[in-house]
Protein backbone atom coordinates (compact mmCIF):
# COMPACT_ATOMS: atom_id res chain seq x y z
CA MET A 1 23.76 0.62 -5.15
CA THR A 2 20.52 0.20 -3.23
CA SER A 3 17.12 1.61 -4.15
CA GLN A 4 17.26 3.62 -0.96
CA PHE A 5 20.16 5.55 -2.46
CA HIS A 6 18.13 6.21 -5.60
CA PHE A 7 15.24 7.27 -3.40
CA LYS A 8 17.56 9.65 -1.57
CA LYS A 9 18.76 11.16 -4.84
CA ARG A 10 15.18 11.83 -5.88
CA LEU A 11 14.05 13.26 -2.56
CA LEU A 12 16.86 15.42 -1.24
CA PRO A 13 16.54 18.19 -3.85
CA LEU A 14 12.82 18.26 -3.23
CA LEU A 15 13.28 18.37 0.53
CA PHE A 16 15.59 21.37 0.19
CA ILE A 17 13.20 23.26 -2.06
CA PHE A 18 10.20 22.49 0.08
CA SER A 19 11.89 23.59 3.30
CA LEU A 20 12.71 26.95 1.69
CA SER A 21 9.18 27.43 0.44
CA LEU A 22 7.23 26.52 3.57
CA LEU A 23 6.74 30.16 4.49
CA ALA A 24 5.68 31.13 1.00
CA VAL A 25 3.19 28.41 0.09
CA THR A 26 0.53 26.26 1.66
CA GLY A 27 -0.48 22.65 1.00
CA CYS A 28 -3.22 21.67 -1.42
CA ALA A 29 -6.01 21.89 1.13
CA LYS A 30 -7.16 24.81 3.20
CA PRO A 31 -7.94 24.31 6.88
CA ALA A 32 -11.28 22.54 7.17
CA ASP A 33 -14.45 24.37 8.02
CA LYS A 34 -16.04 22.61 10.95
CA GLU A 35 -19.62 21.75 11.73
CA GLY A 36 -20.45 19.64 14.74
CA GLY A 37 -16.79 18.64 15.12
CA LYS A 38 -16.61 17.33 11.54
CA ALA A 39 -14.85 18.57 8.45
CA LYS A 40 -17.27 20.49 6.21
CA GLY A 41 -16.85 20.63 2.47
CA GLN A 42 -13.12 19.89 2.69
CA LYS A 43 -11.33 18.72 -0.44
CA VAL A 44 -8.54 16.22 0.14
CA VAL A 45 -6.09 15.11 -2.53
CA LEU A 46 -5.35 11.44 -1.84
CA ASN A 47 -2.47 9.89 -3.77
CA GLU A 48 -2.61 6.08 -3.86
CA VAL A 49 0.40 3.96 -4.72
CA ALA A 50 -1.63 1.88 -7.20
CA HIS A 51 -5.26 1.32 -8.13
CA SER A 52 -6.04 -2.20 -7.02
CA ILE A 53 -8.93 -4.28 -5.68
CA PHE A 54 -6.45 -5.05 -2.90
CA TYR A 55 -7.50 -1.71 -1.39
CA ALA A 56 -11.24 -2.48 -1.42
CA PRO A 57 -12.15 -0.88 1.95
CA MET A 58 -10.94 2.52 0.71
CA TYR A 59 -13.04 2.28 -2.46
CA VAL A 60 -16.05 1.16 -0.43
CA ALA A 61 -15.67 4.33 1.67
CA ILE A 62 -15.71 6.36 -1.57
CA GLU A 63 -18.53 4.54 -3.34
CA GLU A 64 -20.80 4.15 -0.29
CA GLY A 65 -20.52 7.87 0.38
CA TYR A 66 -18.78 7.59 3.75
CA PHE A 67 -16.29 10.36 2.93
CA LYS A 68 -19.09 12.63 1.73
CA GLU A 69 -21.04 11.95 4.91
CA ALA A 70 -17.96 13.07 6.82
CA GLY A 71 -17.82 16.32 4.82
CA ILE A 72 -14.83 15.29 2.72
CA GLU A 73 -14.47 15.52 -1.04
CA VAL A 74 -11.75 13.04 -2.05
CA GLU A 75 -9.75 13.64 -5.20
CA LEU A 76 -8.10 10.28 -5.85
CA VAL A 77 -4.83 10.28 -7.80
CA THR A 78 -2.79 7.18 -8.62
CA GLY A 79 0.95 7.62 -8.09
CA PHE A 80 2.10 4.35 -9.73
CA GLY A 81 4.83 3.71 -7.16
CA ALA A 82 5.47 4.45 -3.50
CA ASP A 83 8.38 6.75 -4.30
CA LYS A 84 6.14 8.85 -6.55
CA THR A 85 3.37 8.94 -3.93
CA MET A 86 5.84 10.06 -1.28
CA THR A 87 7.18 12.78 -3.57
CA ALA A 88 3.62 14.04 -4.09
CA VAL A 89 3.08 14.25 -0.33
CA LEU A 90 6.39 16.00 0.30
CA SER A 91 5.79 18.48 -2.52
CA GLY A 92 2.29 19.36 -1.35
CA GLU A 93 0.71 17.96 -4.50
CA ALA A 94 -1.11 15.49 -2.24
CA ASP A 95 -2.52 16.00 1.23
CA ILE A 96 -2.57 12.31 2.13
CA GLY A 97 -0.53 9.44 0.74
CA PHE A 98 -1.54 5.79 0.66
CA MET A 99 1.50 3.55 0.22
CA GLY A 100 3.82 1.10 1.87
CA PRO A 101 4.95 2.58 5.22
CA GLU A 102 8.56 1.71 4.44
CA THR A 103 8.64 4.90 2.38
CA THR A 104 8.01 7.01 5.47
CA VAL A 105 11.02 5.35 7.09
CA TYR A 106 13.19 6.18 4.06
CA ALA A 107 12.05 9.81 3.98
CA THR A 108 12.74 10.27 7.70
CA ASN A 109 16.15 8.63 7.49
CA GLU A 110 17.02 10.86 4.55
CA GLY A 111 16.27 13.98 6.56
CA ALA A 112 12.70 15.06 5.77
CA ALA A 113 12.18 18.21 7.83
CA ASP A 114 8.42 17.64 8.05
CA VAL A 115 7.99 14.00 9.06
CA VAL A 116 5.47 12.01 7.02
CA LYS A 117 3.50 10.15 9.67
CA ASN A 118 1.33 7.05 9.34
CA PHE A 119 -2.11 7.43 10.93
CA ALA A 120 -4.09 4.44 9.61
CA GLN A 121 -3.11 0.95 8.44
CA LEU A 122 -5.33 -0.68 5.79
CA THR A 123 -3.84 -4.03 4.77
CA GLN A 124 -2.19 -6.58 7.02
CA ARG A 125 -0.92 -9.05 4.44
CA ALA A 126 0.94 -8.82 1.16
CA GLY A 127 -1.41 -8.51 -1.80
CA ASN A 128 0.67 -10.22 -4.46
CA PHE A 129 0.68 -13.77 -5.75
CA LEU A 130 3.26 -16.06 -7.30
CA VAL A 131 2.24 -17.03 -10.83
CA ALA A 132 3.74 -20.00 -12.68
CA ARG A 133 3.54 -21.01 -16.32
CA GLU A 134 1.81 -24.30 -15.50
CA PRO A 135 -0.51 -25.38 -12.66
CA MET A 136 1.42 -26.68 -9.64
CA GLU A 137 -0.99 -28.30 -7.18
CA ARG A 138 1.80 -29.22 -4.77
CA PHE A 139 3.90 -26.12 -5.10
CA LYS A 140 6.83 -25.69 -2.72
CA TRP A 141 8.89 -22.53 -2.44
CA SER A 142 11.97 -24.67 -3.06
CA SER A 143 10.65 -25.03 -6.62
CA LEU A 144 12.00 -21.53 -7.27
CA LYS A 145 15.61 -22.57 -6.88
CA GLY A 146 17.49 -22.01 -10.11
CA LYS A 147 14.53 -20.23 -11.69
CA ASN A 148 14.03 -16.73 -13.07
CA VAL A 149 11.32 -14.71 -11.31
CA LEU A 150 9.95 -11.35 -12.38
CA GLY A 151 10.03 -9.38 -9.13
CA GLY A 152 9.47 -5.86 -7.84
CA ARG A 153 11.47 -2.71 -7.13
CA ALA A 154 14.27 -3.20 -4.61
CA GLY A 155 13.33 -1.52 -1.35
CA GLY A 156 9.59 -1.68 -2.04
CA MET A 157 7.25 -3.71 0.17
CA PRO A 158 6.24 -6.20 -2.57
CA GLU A 159 9.82 -7.21 -3.24
CA MET A 160 10.97 -7.11 0.39
CA VAL A 161 8.08 -9.26 1.62
CA PHE A 162 8.63 -11.70 -1.25
CA GLU A 163 12.27 -12.03 -0.22
CA PHE A 164 11.14 -12.31 3.42
CA VAL A 165 9.03 -15.35 2.43
CA LEU A 166 11.95 -16.87 0.52
CA LYS A 167 14.20 -16.56 3.55
CA LYS A 168 11.53 -18.09 5.79
CA ASN A 169 11.66 -21.09 3.49
CA GLY A 170 15.45 -21.39 3.50
CA ILE A 171 16.01 -19.79 0.10
CA ASP A 172 18.73 -17.21 -0.48
CA PRO A 173 17.22 -14.50 -2.76
CA ALA A 174 20.66 -13.46 -3.99
CA ASN A 175 22.09 -16.86 -4.85
CA ASP A 176 19.39 -19.53 -5.14
CA LEU A 177 17.38 -17.91 -7.94
CA THR A 178 17.40 -14.93 -10.29
CA ILE A 179 14.98 -12.10 -9.50
CA ASP A 180 14.52 -9.76 -12.45
CA GLN A 181 13.90 -6.25 -11.12
CA SER A 182 14.41 -4.43 -14.41
CA ILE A 183 10.76 -4.31 -15.45
CA ASP A 184 8.58 -1.35 -14.49
CA PHE A 185 5.77 -1.78 -11.99
CA GLY A 186 2.61 -2.79 -13.83
CA SER A 187 4.47 -4.24 -16.81
CA THR A 188 5.58 -7.59 -15.39
CA ALA A 189 2.38 -9.43 -16.35
CA ALA A 190 2.73 -8.39 -19.98
CA ALA A 191 6.41 -9.36 -19.92
CA PHE A 192 5.55 -12.74 -18.43
CA SER A 193 2.81 -13.29 -20.99
CA GLY A 194 5.37 -12.43 -23.67
CA GLY A 195 7.75 -15.13 -22.50
CA SER A 196 9.96 -13.52 -19.84
CA GLY A 197 10.63 -15.41 -16.62
CA ASP A 198 9.66 -18.81 -15.23
CA PHE A 199 7.51 -17.20 -12.54
CA THR A 200 6.18 -13.71 -11.85
CA VAL A 201 4.96 -11.98 -8.69
CA GLU A 202 1.69 -10.20 -9.48
CA PHE A 203 -0.97 -8.08 -7.83
CA GLU A 204 -4.60 -8.33 -8.82
CA PRO A 205 -6.15 -8.04 -11.30
CA SER A 206 -3.00 -9.06 -13.21
CA ALA A 207 -2.78 -12.49 -11.56
CA THR A 208 -6.38 -13.37 -12.40
CA ALA A 209 -6.00 -11.89 -15.90
CA LEU A 210 -3.05 -14.20 -16.59
CA GLU A 211 -5.13 -17.14 -15.41
CA SER A 212 -8.05 -16.09 -17.62
CA GLU A 213 -5.71 -15.97 -20.60
CA LYS A 214 -4.22 -19.33 -19.58
CA ALA A 215 -0.86 -17.56 -19.68
CA GLY A 216 -0.16 -18.23 -16.01
CA TYR A 217 -1.46 -19.90 -12.87
CA VAL A 218 -1.47 -18.68 -9.27
CA VAL A 219 0.47 -21.24 -7.25
CA ALA A 220 1.07 -19.37 -3.98
CA SER A 221 0.00 -16.30 -2.03
CA VAL A 222 2.85 -14.15 -0.75
CA GLY A 223 0.41 -12.73 1.82
CA VAL A 224 -0.53 -16.12 3.25
CA ASP A 225 3.06 -17.30 3.51
CA SER A 226 4.44 -14.03 4.90
CA GLY A 227 1.97 -13.83 7.76
CA TYR A 228 0.75 -10.48 9.07
CA VAL A 229 2.79 -7.49 7.92
CA PRO A 230 1.92 -3.76 7.84
CA TYR A 231 1.72 -3.61 4.06
CA THR A 232 -0.05 -0.34 3.29
CA ALA A 233 -0.98 2.69 5.36
CA PHE A 234 -2.28 6.24 5.07
CA SER A 235 0.15 9.00 5.95
CA ALA A 236 0.52 12.77 5.80
CA LYS A 237 3.06 15.39 6.79
CA GLU A 238 3.03 15.95 10.53
CA SER A 239 2.28 19.64 10.00
CA TYR A 240 -0.81 18.75 7.95
CA ILE A 241 -2.04 16.35 10.64
CA ASN A 242 -1.48 18.95 13.36
CA ASP A 243 -3.25 21.66 11.34
CA ASN A 244 -6.21 19.44 10.41
CA PRO A 245 -6.96 17.03 13.27
CA ASP A 246 -10.74 17.12 12.73
CA LEU A 247 -10.28 16.41 9.06
CA ILE A 248 -7.94 13.48 9.72
CA GLN A 249 -10.40 12.07 12.27
CA ALA A 250 -13.30 12.38 9.83
CA PHE A 251 -11.17 10.74 7.12
CA VAL A 252 -10.27 7.81 9.39
CA ASP A 253 -13.87 7.46 10.59
CA ALA A 254 -14.96 7.08 6.95
CA LEU A 255 -12.24 4.51 6.32
CA GLN A 256 -13.35 2.56 9.38
CA LYS A 257 -16.88 2.39 7.95
CA GLY A 258 -15.40 1.05 4.72
CA MET A 259 -13.47 -1.54 6.69
CA GLN A 260 -16.59 -2.55 8.61
CA PHE A 261 -18.54 -2.91 5.35
CA VAL A 262 -15.90 -5.29 4.03
CA THR A 263 -16.00 -7.27 7.28
CA ASP A 264 -19.79 -7.56 7.33
CA HIS A 265 -20.60 -8.14 3.64
CA THR A 266 -20.11 -10.93 1.15
CA SER A 267 -17.56 -10.85 -1.63
CA GLU A 268 -20.37 -10.31 -4.13
CA GLU A 269 -21.67 -7.30 -2.19
CA ILE A 270 -18.20 -5.81 -1.84
CA ALA A 271 -17.56 -6.33 -5.56
CA ALA A 272 -20.83 -4.58 -6.41
CA SER A 273 -19.88 -1.63 -4.20
CA ILE A 274 -16.45 -1.04 -5.71
CA ALA A 275 -17.36 -1.93 -9.32
CA PRO A 276 -17.46 1.75 -10.46
CA GLN A 277 -13.77 1.99 -9.55
CA PHE A 278 -12.95 -0.87 -11.93
CA SER A 279 -15.16 -0.29 -14.95
CA ASP A 280 -12.85 -2.29 -17.22
CA THR A 281 -13.20 -5.42 -15.06
CA ASP A 282 -16.31 -7.60 -15.13
CA ALA A 283 -18.30 -8.28 -11.95
CA LYS A 284 -17.35 -11.96 -11.82
CA THR A 285 -13.64 -11.19 -11.92
CA ILE A 286 -13.95 -8.48 -9.26
CA THR A 287 -15.84 -10.93 -7.03
CA THR A 288 -13.20 -13.63 -7.55
CA ILE A 289 -10.41 -11.22 -6.61
CA VAL A 290 -12.25 -9.82 -3.59
CA ASN A 291 -12.94 -13.35 -2.37
CA ARG A 292 -9.28 -14.29 -2.78
CA TYR A 293 -8.24 -11.34 -0.61
CA LYS A 294 -11.04 -11.83 1.88
CA GLU A 295 -10.23 -15.50 2.41
CA GLN A 296 -6.60 -14.76 3.24
CA ASP A 297 -7.58 -12.18 5.88
CA THR A 298 -6.06 -9.26 4.00
CA TRP A 299 -7.92 -6.44 5.74
CA LYS A 300 -7.75 -5.44 9.39
CA ASN A 301 -10.85 -5.04 11.54
CA ASP A 302 -9.49 -1.68 12.63
CA LEU A 303 -6.95 0.81 11.30
CA ILE A 304 -4.56 0.81 14.27
CA PHE A 305 -0.88 0.54 13.30
CA THR A 306 0.57 -1.31 16.29
CA GLU A 307 4.10 -1.08 17.65
CA ASP A 308 4.64 -4.81 17.01
CA ALA A 309 3.74 -4.27 13.35
CA PHE A 310 6.13 -1.32 13.11
CA THR A 311 8.95 -3.36 14.67
CA LEU A 312 8.33 -6.12 12.12
CA LEU A 313 8.46 -3.54 9.32
CA LEU A 314 11.85 -2.32 10.51
CA ASP A 315 13.10 -5.90 10.81
CA ILE A 316 12.06 -6.62 7.21
CA LEU A 317 13.81 -3.46 6.03
CA ASP A 318 16.90 -4.41 8.00
CA GLU A 319 16.99 -7.94 6.55
CA SER A 320 16.70 -6.44 3.08
CA GLY A 321 19.67 -4.13 3.64
CA GLN A 322 17.50 -1.02 3.29
CA LEU A 323 17.63 0.32 6.85
CA THR A 324 20.18 2.95 7.91
CA ASP A 325 18.48 3.88 11.19
CA ARG A 326 15.52 2.65 13.27
CA PRO A 327 13.13 5.57 13.88
CA GLU A 328 11.10 5.53 17.07
CA TYR A 329 7.54 4.19 16.82
CA GLY A 330 6.04 7.48 17.97
CA THR A 331 8.03 9.41 15.39
CA LEU A 332 6.35 7.78 12.40
CA ILE A 333 3.10 6.38 13.83
CA THR A 334 0.11 7.98 15.50
CA THR A 335 -2.81 5.80 16.58
CA GLU A 336 -5.13 8.36 18.20
CA PHE A 337 -7.38 8.74 15.16
CA ALA A 338 -7.65 5.00 14.43
CA GLU A 339 -8.26 4.20 18.09
CA LYS A 340 -11.08 6.71 18.28
CA ALA A 341 -12.60 5.42 15.04
CA ALA A 342 -12.44 1.83 16.29
CA LYS A 343 -14.07 2.81 19.56
CA ASN A 344 -16.95 4.52 17.77
CA LYS A 345 -17.54 1.93 15.04
């Protein structure tokens, strides 16, 4: 039974309820007041899939005041999983979702009446790393054969891109190794530290934390070995985008400023900017993590979600056995806001 089936079981009752209630309720945000073509004093509930330094440009936009300058008050909520973030968007608990765009494909293929559409892409590489129990200076992906690896949720971008990398290196994810997908997101590092698995696939700051504890060692970057993939994007229900075009444009303009800051500044400066978002992590560790992501070209120069990237996403889903239909590019992607933001940066 695939995770897409589980996703369908979670979403279909919600989709039915929401379609019945569209005439009776509104979303979390009211239509934006406008001043000079910008949103004015508009509150936006933004549900992020996880809270990670991997998403630095978004936090820069918050901490440098770019959203406030655009007249937007962002309420940031962490969903702890793309399926939960999508549910928040569909239910109206969130205005905008930030997650892997594969979830928008699943929701559309499962019959979402109000399409959740991607309007800005943030990361262009996977953000997770392969961690081993001992340093491996000459690591090869073939070293995973016969090993037990703590992986991610089936059907989620982290796991699918990891398997994509394995296949690129001639490794059969189903038969050449054991991928443990029974551990909840966010708990794999603790499980690995406690003795589970030969390797684990970790996001930051978990990968660096394991290294600091000498409980694990980063031996490979999934993002480097996967190449460019549309890993995370911002999306909202099509009705919300249509009702709030000025707000969406102002939101994307602020994100573009955050992206430009990350492009133009050093890892130390970026770390200093986003430090309030990670009060439990020391400045040196934040800088190390930012530098790791910056060096592997994690962040785009713009927020445009291209058709080539969307085609690659569908191909990855198809290879993973998660794709029941291939939605049209224009159905799930709009680039008008990102293109305008890039032009004006």
